[in-house]
Amino acid sequence: ALAQRVVDGLGPVRLGPEDRLVLLGHSLGGVVALA
């Protein structure tokens, strides 16, 4: 659920077909990054 909320917040970023993500999470955030 925490991960889905992050996805929902990505809407305004408008990822294009060639865009890529790098995820850096601390502690709880690291687990959310894996999810």
Full PDB file with SEQRES, HELIX, SHEET, SSBOND, CRYST1, ORIGX, SCALE, CONECT and MASTER records, all heavy atoms in Angstrom:
SEQRES   1 A   35  ALA LEU ALA GLN ARG VAL VAL ASP GLY LEU GLY PRO VAL          
SEQRES   2 A   35  ARG LEU GLY PRO GLU ASP ARG LEU VAL LEU LEU GLY HIS          
SEQRES   3 A   35  SER LEU GLY GLY VAL VAL ALA LEU ALA                          
HELIX    1 AA1 LEU A    2  GLY A    9  1                                   8    
HELIX    2 AA2 GLY A   11  VAL A   13  5                                   3    
HELIX    3 AA3 LEU A   28  LEU A   34  1                                   7    
CRYST1    1.000    1.000    1.000  90.00  90.00  90.00 P 1           1          
ORIGX1      1.000000  0.000000  0.000000        0.00000                         
ORIGX2      0.000000  1.000000  0.000000        0.00000                         
ORIGX3      0.000000  0.000000  1.000000        0.00000                         
SCALE1      1.000000  0.000000  0.000000        0.00000                         
SCALE2      0.000000  1.000000  0.000000        0.00000                         
SCALE3      0.000000  0.000000  1.000000        0.00000                         
ATOM      1  N   ALA A   1       0.828  -1.208   0.000  1.00  0.00           N  
ATOM      2  CA  ALA A   1       0.000   0.000   0.000  1.00  0.00           C  
ATOM      3  C   ALA A   1       0.863   1.260   0.000  1.00  0.00           C  
ATOM      4  O   ALA A   1       0.540   2.251  -0.666  1.00  0.00           O  
ATOM      5  CB  ALA A   1      -0.931  -0.009   1.211  1.00  0.00           C  
ATOM      6  N   LEU A   2       1.954   1.224   0.733  1.00  0.00           N  
ATOM      7  CA  LEU A   2       2.878   2.365   0.737  1.00  0.00           C  
ATOM      8  C   LEU A   2       3.475   2.563  -0.653  1.00  0.00           C  
ATOM      9  O   LEU A   2       3.601   3.695  -1.137  1.00  0.00           O  
ATOM     10  CB  LEU A   2       3.981   2.146   1.765  1.00  0.00           C  
ATOM     11  CG  LEU A   2       3.557   2.222   3.239  1.00  0.00           C  
ATOM     12  CD1 LEU A   2       4.645   1.637   4.136  1.00  0.00           C  
ATOM     13  CD2 LEU A   2       3.269   3.663   3.654  1.00  0.00           C  
ATOM     14  N   ALA A   3       3.839   1.460  -1.312  1.00  0.00           N  
ATOM     15  CA  ALA A   3       4.396   1.550  -2.656  1.00  0.00           C  
ATOM     16  C   ALA A   3       3.368   2.103  -3.640  1.00  0.00           C  
ATOM     17  O   ALA A   3       3.689   2.942  -4.491  1.00  0.00           O  
ATOM     18  CB  ALA A   3       4.889   0.176  -3.117  1.00  0.00           C  
ATOM     19  N   GLN A   4       2.132   1.655  -3.529  1.00  0.00           N  
ATOM     20  CA  GLN A   4       1.096   2.128  -4.447  1.00  0.00           C  
ATOM     21  C   GLN A   4       0.877   3.628  -4.301  1.00  0.00           C  
ATOM     22  O   GLN A   4       0.658   4.324  -5.293  1.00  0.00           O  
ATOM     23  CB  GLN A   4      -0.213   1.372  -4.209  1.00  0.00           C  
ATOM     24  CG  GLN A   4      -1.301   1.727  -5.220  1.00  0.00           C  
ATOM     25  CD  GLN A   4      -0.873   1.473  -6.652  1.00  0.00           C  
ATOM     26  OE1 GLN A   4      -0.353   0.404  -6.973  1.00  0.00           O  
ATOM     27  NE2 GLN A   4      -1.073   2.465  -7.523  1.00  0.00           N  
ATOM     28  N   ARG A   5       0.962   4.137  -3.076  1.00  0.00           N  
ATOM     29  CA  ARG A   5       0.803   5.582  -2.869  1.00  0.00           C  
ATOM     30  C   ARG A   5       1.935   6.347  -3.573  1.00  0.00           C  
ATOM     31  O   ARG A   5       1.704   7.421  -4.130  1.00  0.00           O  
ATOM     32  CB  ARG A   5       0.794   5.884  -1.367  1.00  0.00           C  
ATOM     33  CG  ARG A   5       0.665   7.360  -1.018  1.00  0.00           C  
ATOM     34  CD  ARG A   5      -0.660   7.993  -1.438  1.00  0.00           C  
ATOM     35  NE  ARG A   5      -1.802   7.391  -0.789  1.00  0.00           N  
ATOM     36  CZ  ARG A   5      -2.190   7.651   0.467  1.00  0.00           C  
ATOM     37  NH1 ARG A   5      -1.510   8.495   1.206  1.00  0.00           N  
ATOM     38  NH2 ARG A   5      -3.248   7.053   0.964  1.00  0.00           N  
ATOM     39  N   VAL A   6       3.142   5.783  -3.560  1.00  0.00           N  
ATOM     40  CA  VAL A   6       4.241   6.419  -4.293  1.00  0.00           C  
ATOM     41  C   VAL A   6       3.938   6.431  -5.788  1.00  0.00           C  
ATOM     42  O   VAL A   6       4.130   7.436  -6.473  1.00  0.00           O  
ATOM     43  CB  VAL A   6       5.582   5.704  -4.009  1.00  0.00           C  
ATOM     44  CG1 VAL A   6       6.694   6.289  -4.888  1.00  0.00           C  
ATOM     45  CG2 VAL A   6       5.966   5.839  -2.539  1.00  0.00           C  
ATOM     46  N   VAL A   7       3.445   5.304  -6.304  1.00  0.00           N  
ATOM     47  CA  VAL A   7       3.096   5.222  -7.727  1.00  0.00           C  
ATOM     48  C   VAL A   7       2.043   6.267  -8.069  1.00  0.00           C  
ATOM     49  O   VAL A   7       2.144   6.965  -9.087  1.00  0.00           O  
ATOM     50  CB  VAL A   7       2.589   3.815  -8.086  1.00  0.00           C  
ATOM     51  CG1 VAL A   7       2.048   3.778  -9.510  1.00  0.00           C  
ATOM     52  CG2 VAL A   7       3.710   2.795  -7.925  1.00  0.00           C  
ATOM     53  N   ASP A   8       1.048   6.385  -7.221  1.00  0.00           N  
ATOM     54  CA  ASP A   8      -0.015   7.364  -7.462  1.00  0.00           C  
ATOM     55  C   ASP A   8       0.558   8.780  -7.546  1.00  0.00           C  
ATOM     56  O   ASP A   8       0.084   9.606  -8.335  1.00  0.00           O  
ATOM     57  CB  ASP A   8      -1.059   7.298  -6.347  1.00  0.00           C  
ATOM     58  CG  ASP A   8      -1.812   5.972  -6.326  1.00  0.00           C  
ATOM     59  OD1 ASP A   8      -1.754   5.248  -7.338  1.00  0.00           O  
ATOM     60  OD2 ASP A   8      -2.428   5.665  -5.288  1.00  0.00           O  
ATOM     61  N   GLY A   9       1.586   9.039  -6.740  1.00  0.00           N  
ATOM     62  CA  GLY A   9       2.196  10.371  -6.733  1.00  0.00           C  
ATOM     63  C   GLY A   9       3.092  10.639  -7.923  1.00  0.00           C  
ATOM     64  O   GLY A   9       3.494  11.786  -8.157  1.00  0.00           O  
ATOM     65  N   LEU A  10       3.413   9.590  -8.693  1.00  0.00           N  
ATOM     66  CA  LEU A  10       4.265   9.779  -9.863  1.00  0.00           C  
ATOM     67  C   LEU A  10       3.506  10.350 -11.044  1.00  0.00           C  
ATOM     68  O   LEU A  10       4.123  10.737 -12.042  1.00  0.00           O  
ATOM     69  CB  LEU A  10       4.896   8.445 -10.279  1.00  0.00           C  
ATOM     70  CG  LEU A  10       6.010   7.899  -9.401  1.00  0.00           C  
ATOM     71  CD1 LEU A  10       6.458   6.537  -9.921  1.00  0.00           C  
ATOM     72  CD2 LEU A  10       7.188   8.856  -9.361  1.00  0.00           C  
ATOM     73  N   GLY A  11       2.193  10.418 -10.944  1.00  0.00           N  
ATOM     74  CA  GLY A  11       1.392  10.891 -12.063  1.00  0.00           C  
ATOM     75  C   GLY A  11       1.898  12.167 -12.718  1.00  0.00           C  
ATOM     76  O   GLY A  11       2.102  12.209 -13.937  1.00  0.00           O  
ATOM     77  N   PRO A  12       2.155  13.236 -11.916  1.00  0.00           N  
ATOM     78  CA  PRO A  12       2.600  14.493 -12.522  1.00  0.00           C  
ATOM     79  C   PRO A  12       3.971  14.414 -13.181  1.00  0.00           C  
ATOM     80  O   PRO A  12       4.339  15.296 -13.952  1.00  0.00           O  
ATOM     81  CB  PRO A  12       2.628  15.453 -11.318  1.00  0.00           C  
ATOM     82  CG  PRO A  12       1.731  14.840 -10.296  1.00  0.00           C  
ATOM     83  CD  PRO A  12       1.885  13.360 -10.485  1.00  0.00           C  
ATOM     84  N   VAL A  13       4.757  13.370 -12.868  1.00  0.00           N  
ATOM     85  CA  VAL A  13       6.093  13.264 -13.455  1.00  0.00           C  
ATOM     86  C   VAL A  13       6.006  12.946 -14.951  1.00  0.00           C  
ATOM     87  O   VAL A  13       6.890  13.289 -15.724  1.00  0.00           O  
ATOM     88  CB  VAL A  13       6.914  12.181 -12.715  1.00  0.00           C  
ATOM     89  CG1 VAL A  13       8.278  11.988 -13.354  1.00  0.00           C  
ATOM     90  CG2 VAL A  13       7.071  12.561 -11.248  1.00  0.00           C  
ATOM     91  N   ARG A  14       4.932  12.291 -15.369  1.00  0.00           N  
ATOM     92  CA  ARG A  14       4.688  11.972 -16.777  1.00  0.00           C  
ATOM     93  C   ARG A  14       5.886  11.240 -17.396  1.00  0.00           C  
ATOM     94  O   ARG A  14       6.600  11.769 -18.237  1.00  0.00           O  
ATOM     95  CB  ARG A  14       4.359  13.250 -17.565  1.00  0.00           C  
ATOM     96  CG  ARG A  14       3.047  13.894 -17.165  1.00  0.00           C  
ATOM     97  CD  ARG A  14       2.687  15.025 -18.094  1.00  0.00           C  
ATOM     98  NE  ARG A  14       3.696  16.069 -18.110  1.00  0.00           N  
ATOM     99  CZ  ARG A  14       3.769  17.057 -17.213  1.00  0.00           C  
ATOM    100  NH1 ARG A  14       2.890  17.119 -16.222  1.00  0.00           N  
ATOM    101  NH2 ARG A  14       4.706  17.971 -17.301  1.00  0.00           N  
ATOM    102  N   LEU A  15       6.091  10.011 -16.965  1.00  0.00           N  
ATOM    103  CA  LEU A  15       7.189   9.211 -17.491  1.00  0.00           C  
ATOM    104  C   LEU A  15       6.972   8.908 -18.973  1.00  0.00           C  
ATOM    105  O   LEU A  15       5.895   8.476 -19.377  1.00  0.00           O  
ATOM    106  CB  LEU A  15       7.307   7.901 -16.711  1.00  0.00           C  
ATOM    107  CG  LEU A  15       7.680   8.016 -15.226  1.00  0.00           C  
ATOM    108  CD1 LEU A  15       7.668   6.642 -14.582  1.00  0.00           C  
ATOM    109  CD2 LEU A  15       9.036   8.673 -15.057  1.00  0.00           C  
ATOM    110  N   GLY A  16       8.006   9.135 -19.743  1.00  0.00           N  
ATOM    111  CA  GLY A  16       7.958   8.806 -21.158  1.00  0.00           C  
ATOM    112  C   GLY A  16       8.408   7.381 -21.399  1.00  0.00           C  
ATOM    113  O   GLY A  16       8.887   6.704 -20.479  1.00  0.00           O  
ATOM    114  N   PRO A  17       8.298   6.906 -22.620  1.00  0.00           N  
ATOM    115  CA  PRO A  17       8.636   5.507 -22.917  1.00  0.00           C  
ATOM    116  C   PRO A  17      10.112   5.182 -22.692  1.00  0.00           C  
ATOM    117  O   PRO A  17      10.467   4.012 -22.530  1.00  0.00           O  
ATOM    118  CB  PRO A  17       8.249   5.356 -24.393  1.00  0.00           C  
ATOM    119  CG  PRO A  17       8.198   6.750 -24.923  1.00  0.00           C  
ATOM    120  CD  PRO A  17       7.787   7.621 -23.795  1.00  0.00           C  
ATOM    121  N   GLU A  18      10.991   6.191 -22.695  1.00  0.00           N  
ATOM    122  CA  GLU A  18      12.417   5.945 -22.506  1.00  0.00           C  
ATOM    123  C   GLU A  18      12.888   6.314 -21.100  1.00  0.00           C  
ATOM    124  O   GLU A  18      14.071   6.162 -20.795  1.00  0.00           O  
ATOM    125  CB  GLU A  18      13.227   6.726 -23.540  1.00  0.00           C  
ATOM    126  CG  GLU A  18      12.935   6.313 -24.977  1.00  0.00           C  
ATOM    127  CD  GLU A  18      13.777   7.082 -25.978  1.00  0.00           C  
ATOM    128  OE1 GLU A  18      14.656   7.852 -25.542  1.00  0.00           O  
ATOM    129  OE2 GLU A  18      13.555   6.910 -27.183  1.00  0.00           O  
ATOM    130  N   ASP A  19      12.010   6.794 -20.267  1.00  0.00           N  
ATOM    131  CA  ASP A  19      12.402   7.199 -18.922  1.00  0.00           C  
ATOM    132  C   ASP A  19      12.651   5.988 -18.042  1.00  0.00           C  
ATOM    133  O   ASP A  19      12.005   4.940 -18.177  1.00  0.00           O  
ATOM    134  CB  ASP A  19      11.317   8.076 -18.287  1.00  0.00           C  
ATOM    135  CG  ASP A  19      11.277   9.464 -18.902  1.00  0.00           C  
ATOM    136  OD1 ASP A  19      12.102   9.726 -19.784  1.00  0.00           O  
ATOM    137  OD2 ASP A  19      10.427  10.271 -18.501  1.00  0.00           O  
ATOM    138  N   ARG A  20      13.605   6.144 -17.119  1.00  0.00           N  
ATOM    139  CA  ARG A  20      13.965   5.081 -16.187  1.00  0.00           C  
ATOM    140  C   ARG A  20      13.987   5.643 -14.772  1.00  0.00           C  
ATOM    141  O   ARG A  20      14.176   6.843 -14.567  1.00  0.00           O  
ATOM    142  CB  ARG A  20      15.343   4.497 -16.532  1.00  0.00           C  
ATOM    143  CG  ARG A  20      15.524   4.084 -17.976  1.00  0.00           C  
ATOM    144  CD  ARG A  20      14.605   2.959 -18.376  1.00  0.00           C  
ATOM    145  NE  ARG A  20      14.872   1.740 -17.597  1.00  0.00           N  
ATOM    146  CZ  ARG A  20      14.142   0.640 -17.689  1.00  0.00           C  
ATOM    147  NH1 ARG A  20      13.089   0.612 -18.501  1.00  0.00           N  
ATOM    148  NH2 ARG A  20      14.444  -0.426 -16.970  1.00  0.00           N  
ATOM    149  N   LEU A  21      13.815   4.742 -13.793  1.00  0.00           N  
ATOM    150  CA  LEU A  21      13.801   5.135 -12.386  1.00  0.00           C  
ATOM    151  C   LEU A  21      14.947   4.455 -11.646  1.00  0.00           C  
ATOM    152  O   LEU A  21      15.244   3.279 -11.872  1.00  0.00           O  
ATOM    153  CB  LEU A  21      12.480   4.728 -11.725  1.00  0.00           C  
ATOM    154  CG  LEU A  21      11.190   5.282 -12.324  1.00  0.00           C  
ATOM    155  CD1 LEU A  21       9.985   4.656 -11.619  1.00  0.00           C  
ATOM    156  CD2 LEU A  21      11.147   6.795 -12.223  1.00  0.00           C  
ATOM    157  N   VAL A  22      15.576   5.201 -10.755  1.00  0.00           N  
ATOM    158  CA  VAL A  22      16.513   4.651  -9.780  1.00  0.00           C  
ATOM    159  C   VAL A  22      15.924   4.931  -8.406  1.00  0.00           C  
ATOM    160  O   VAL A  22      15.538   6.075  -8.106  1.00  0.00           O  
ATOM    161  CB  VAL A  22      17.909   5.275  -9.913  1.00  0.00           C  
ATOM    162  CG1 VAL A  22      18.829   4.791  -8.795  1.00  0.00           C  
ATOM    163  CG2 VAL A  22      18.519   4.940 -11.269  1.00  0.00           C  
ATOM    164  N   LEU A  23      15.803   3.909  -7.576  1.00  0.00           N  
ATOM    165  CA  LEU A  23      15.149   4.033  -6.281  1.00  0.00           C  
ATOM    166  C   LEU A  23      16.178   3.913  -5.174  1.00  0.00           C  
ATOM    167  O   LEU A  23      16.929   2.936  -5.120  1.00  0.00           O  
ATOM    168  CB  LEU A  23      14.092   2.935  -6.116  1.00  0.00           C  
ATOM    169  CG  LEU A  23      13.102   2.746  -7.279  1.00  0.00           C  
ATOM    170  CD1 LEU A  23      12.153   1.584  -6.961  1.00  0.00           C  
ATOM    171  CD2 LEU A  23      12.332   4.020  -7.544  1.00  0.00           C  
ATOM    172  N   LEU A  24      16.215   4.918  -4.294  1.00  0.00           N  
ATOM    173  CA  LEU A  24      17.072   4.880  -3.113  1.00  0.00           C  
ATOM    174  C   LEU A  24      16.186   5.066  -1.893  1.00  0.00           C  
ATOM    175  O   LEU A  24      15.576   6.125  -1.719  1.00  0.00           O  
ATOM    176  CB  LEU A  24      18.133   5.976  -3.170  1.00  0.00           C  
ATOM    177  CG  LEU A  24      18.946   6.223  -1.889  1.00  0.00           C  
ATOM    178  CD1 LEU A  24      19.660   4.962  -1.425  1.00  0.00           C  
ATOM    179  CD2 LEU A  24      19.946   7.353  -2.082  1.00  0.00           C  
ATOM    180  N   GLY A  25      16.092   4.032  -1.070  1.00  0.00           N  
ATOM    181  CA  GLY A  25      15.224   4.107   0.100  1.00  0.00           C  
ATOM    182  C   GLY A  25      15.984   3.815   1.368  1.00  0.00           C  
ATOM    183  O   GLY A  25      16.850   2.933   1.406  1.00  0.00           O  
ATOM    184  N   HIS A  26      15.645   4.559   2.421  1.00  0.00           N  
ATOM    185  CA  HIS A  26      16.260   4.348   3.734  1.00  0.00           C  
ATOM    186  C   HIS A  26      15.311   3.570   4.634  1.00  0.00           C  
ATOM    187  O   HIS A  26      14.156   3.961   4.801  1.00  0.00           O  
ATOM    188  CB  HIS A  26      16.595   5.688   4.386  1.00  0.00           C  
ATOM    189  CG  HIS A  26      17.026   5.552   5.816  1.00  0.00           C  
ATOM    190  ND1 HIS A  26      16.295   6.064   6.869  1.00  0.00           N  
ATOM    191  CD2 HIS A  26      18.096   4.930   6.369  1.00  0.00           C  
ATOM    192  CE1 HIS A  26      16.905   5.770   8.004  1.00  0.00           C  
ATOM    193  NE2 HIS A  26      17.995   5.092   7.730  1.00  0.00           N  
ATOM    194  N   SER A  27      15.778   2.469   5.192  1.00  0.00           N  
ATOM    195  CA  SER A  27      15.038   1.714   6.204  1.00  0.00           C  
ATOM    196  C   SER A  27      13.668   1.312   5.652  1.00  0.00           C  
ATOM    197  O   SER A  27      13.585   0.588   4.666  1.00  0.00           O  
ATOM    198  CB  SER A  27      14.944   2.552   7.488  1.00  0.00           C  
ATOM    199  OG  SER A  27      14.622   1.773   8.613  1.00  0.00           O  
ATOM    200  N   LEU A  28      12.579   1.796   6.222  1.00  0.00           N  
ATOM    201  CA  LEU A  28      11.248   1.523   5.680  1.00  0.00           C  
ATOM    202  C   LEU A  28      11.191   1.870   4.200  1.00  0.00           C  
ATOM    203  O   LEU A  28      10.622   1.125   3.389  1.00  0.00           O  
ATOM    204  CB  LEU A  28      10.201   2.331   6.449  1.00  0.00           C  
ATOM    205  CG  LEU A  28       8.797   2.390   5.848  1.00  0.00           C  
ATOM    206  CD1 LEU A  28       8.148   1.017   5.840  1.00  0.00           C  
ATOM    207  CD2 LEU A  28       7.932   3.394   6.608  1.00  0.00           C  
ATOM    208  N   GLY A  29      11.772   3.014   3.823  1.00  0.00           N  
ATOM    209  CA  GLY A  29      11.758   3.430   2.423  1.00  0.00           C  
ATOM    210  C   GLY A  29      12.479   2.462   1.510  1.00  0.00           C  
ATOM    211  O   GLY A  29      12.131   2.320   0.331  1.00  0.00           O  
ATOM    212  N   GLY A  30      13.489   1.772   2.045  1.00  0.00           N  
ATOM    213  CA  GLY A  30      14.181   0.773   1.249  1.00  0.00           C  
ATOM    214  C   GLY A  30      13.298  -0.410   0.944  1.00  0.00           C  
ATOM    215  O   GLY A  30      13.351  -0.979  -0.165  1.00  0.00           O  
ATOM    216  N   VAL A  31      12.472  -0.805   1.901  1.00  0.00           N  
ATOM    217  CA  VAL A  31      11.533  -1.910   1.667  1.00  0.00           C  
ATOM    218  C   VAL A  31      10.479  -1.476   0.650  1.00  0.00           C  
ATOM    219  O   VAL A  31      10.114  -2.246  -0.252  1.00  0.00           O  
ATOM    220  CB  VAL A  31      10.869  -2.344   2.985  1.00  0.00           C  
ATOM    221  CG1 VAL A  31       9.956  -3.541   2.736  1.00  0.00           C  
ATOM    222  CG2 VAL A  31      11.913  -2.695   4.035  1.00  0.00           C  
ATOM    223  N   VAL A  32       9.997  -0.245   0.768  1.00  0.00           N  
ATOM    224  CA  VAL A  32       9.021   0.265  -0.196  1.00  0.00           C  
ATOM    225  C   VAL A  32       9.633   0.288  -1.595  1.00  0.00           C  
ATOM    226  O   VAL A  32       8.969  -0.046  -2.586  1.00  0.00           O  
ATOM    227  CB  VAL A  32       8.535   1.665   0.220  1.00  0.00           C  
ATOM    228  CG1 VAL A  32       7.629   2.265  -0.842  1.00  0.00           C  
ATOM    229  CG2 VAL A  32       7.805   1.597   1.562  1.00  0.00           C  
ATOM    230  N   ALA A  33      10.915   0.639  -1.683  1.00  0.00           N  
ATOM    231  CA  ALA A  33      11.594   0.644  -2.982  1.00  0.00           C  
ATOM    232  C   ALA A  33      11.604  -0.749  -3.598  1.00  0.00           C  
ATOM    233  O   ALA A  33      11.370  -0.915  -4.799  1.00  0.00           O  
ATOM    234  CB  ALA A  33      13.016   1.173  -2.825  1.00  0.00           C  
ATOM    235  N   LEU A  34      11.860  -1.775  -2.781  1.00  0.00           N  
ATOM    236  CA  LEU A  34      11.832  -3.144  -3.291  1.00  0.00           C  
ATOM    237  C   LEU A  34      10.432  -3.516  -3.778  1.00  0.00           C  
ATOM    238  O   LEU A  34      10.276  -4.189  -4.807  1.00  0.00           O  
ATOM    239  CB  LEU A  34      12.289  -4.121  -2.212  1.00  0.00           C  
ATOM    240  CG  LEU A  34      13.774  -4.041  -1.830  1.00  0.00           C  
ATOM    241  CD1 LEU A  34      14.053  -4.950  -0.633  1.00  0.00           C  
ATOM    242  CD2 LEU A  34      14.656  -4.432  -3.011  1.00  0.00           C  
ATOM    243  N   ALA A  35       9.419  -3.086  -3.049  1.00  0.00           N  
ATOM    244  CA  ALA A  35       8.043  -3.362  -3.474  1.00  0.00           C  
ATOM    245  C   ALA A  35       7.726  -2.664  -4.792  1.00  0.00           C  
ATOM    246  O   ALA A  35       7.001  -3.205  -5.639  1.00  0.00           O  
ATOM    247  CB  ALA A  35       7.062  -2.924  -2.383  1.00  0.00           C  
TER     248      ALA A  35                                                      
MASTER        0    0    0    3    0    0    0    6  247    1    0    3          
END                                                                             
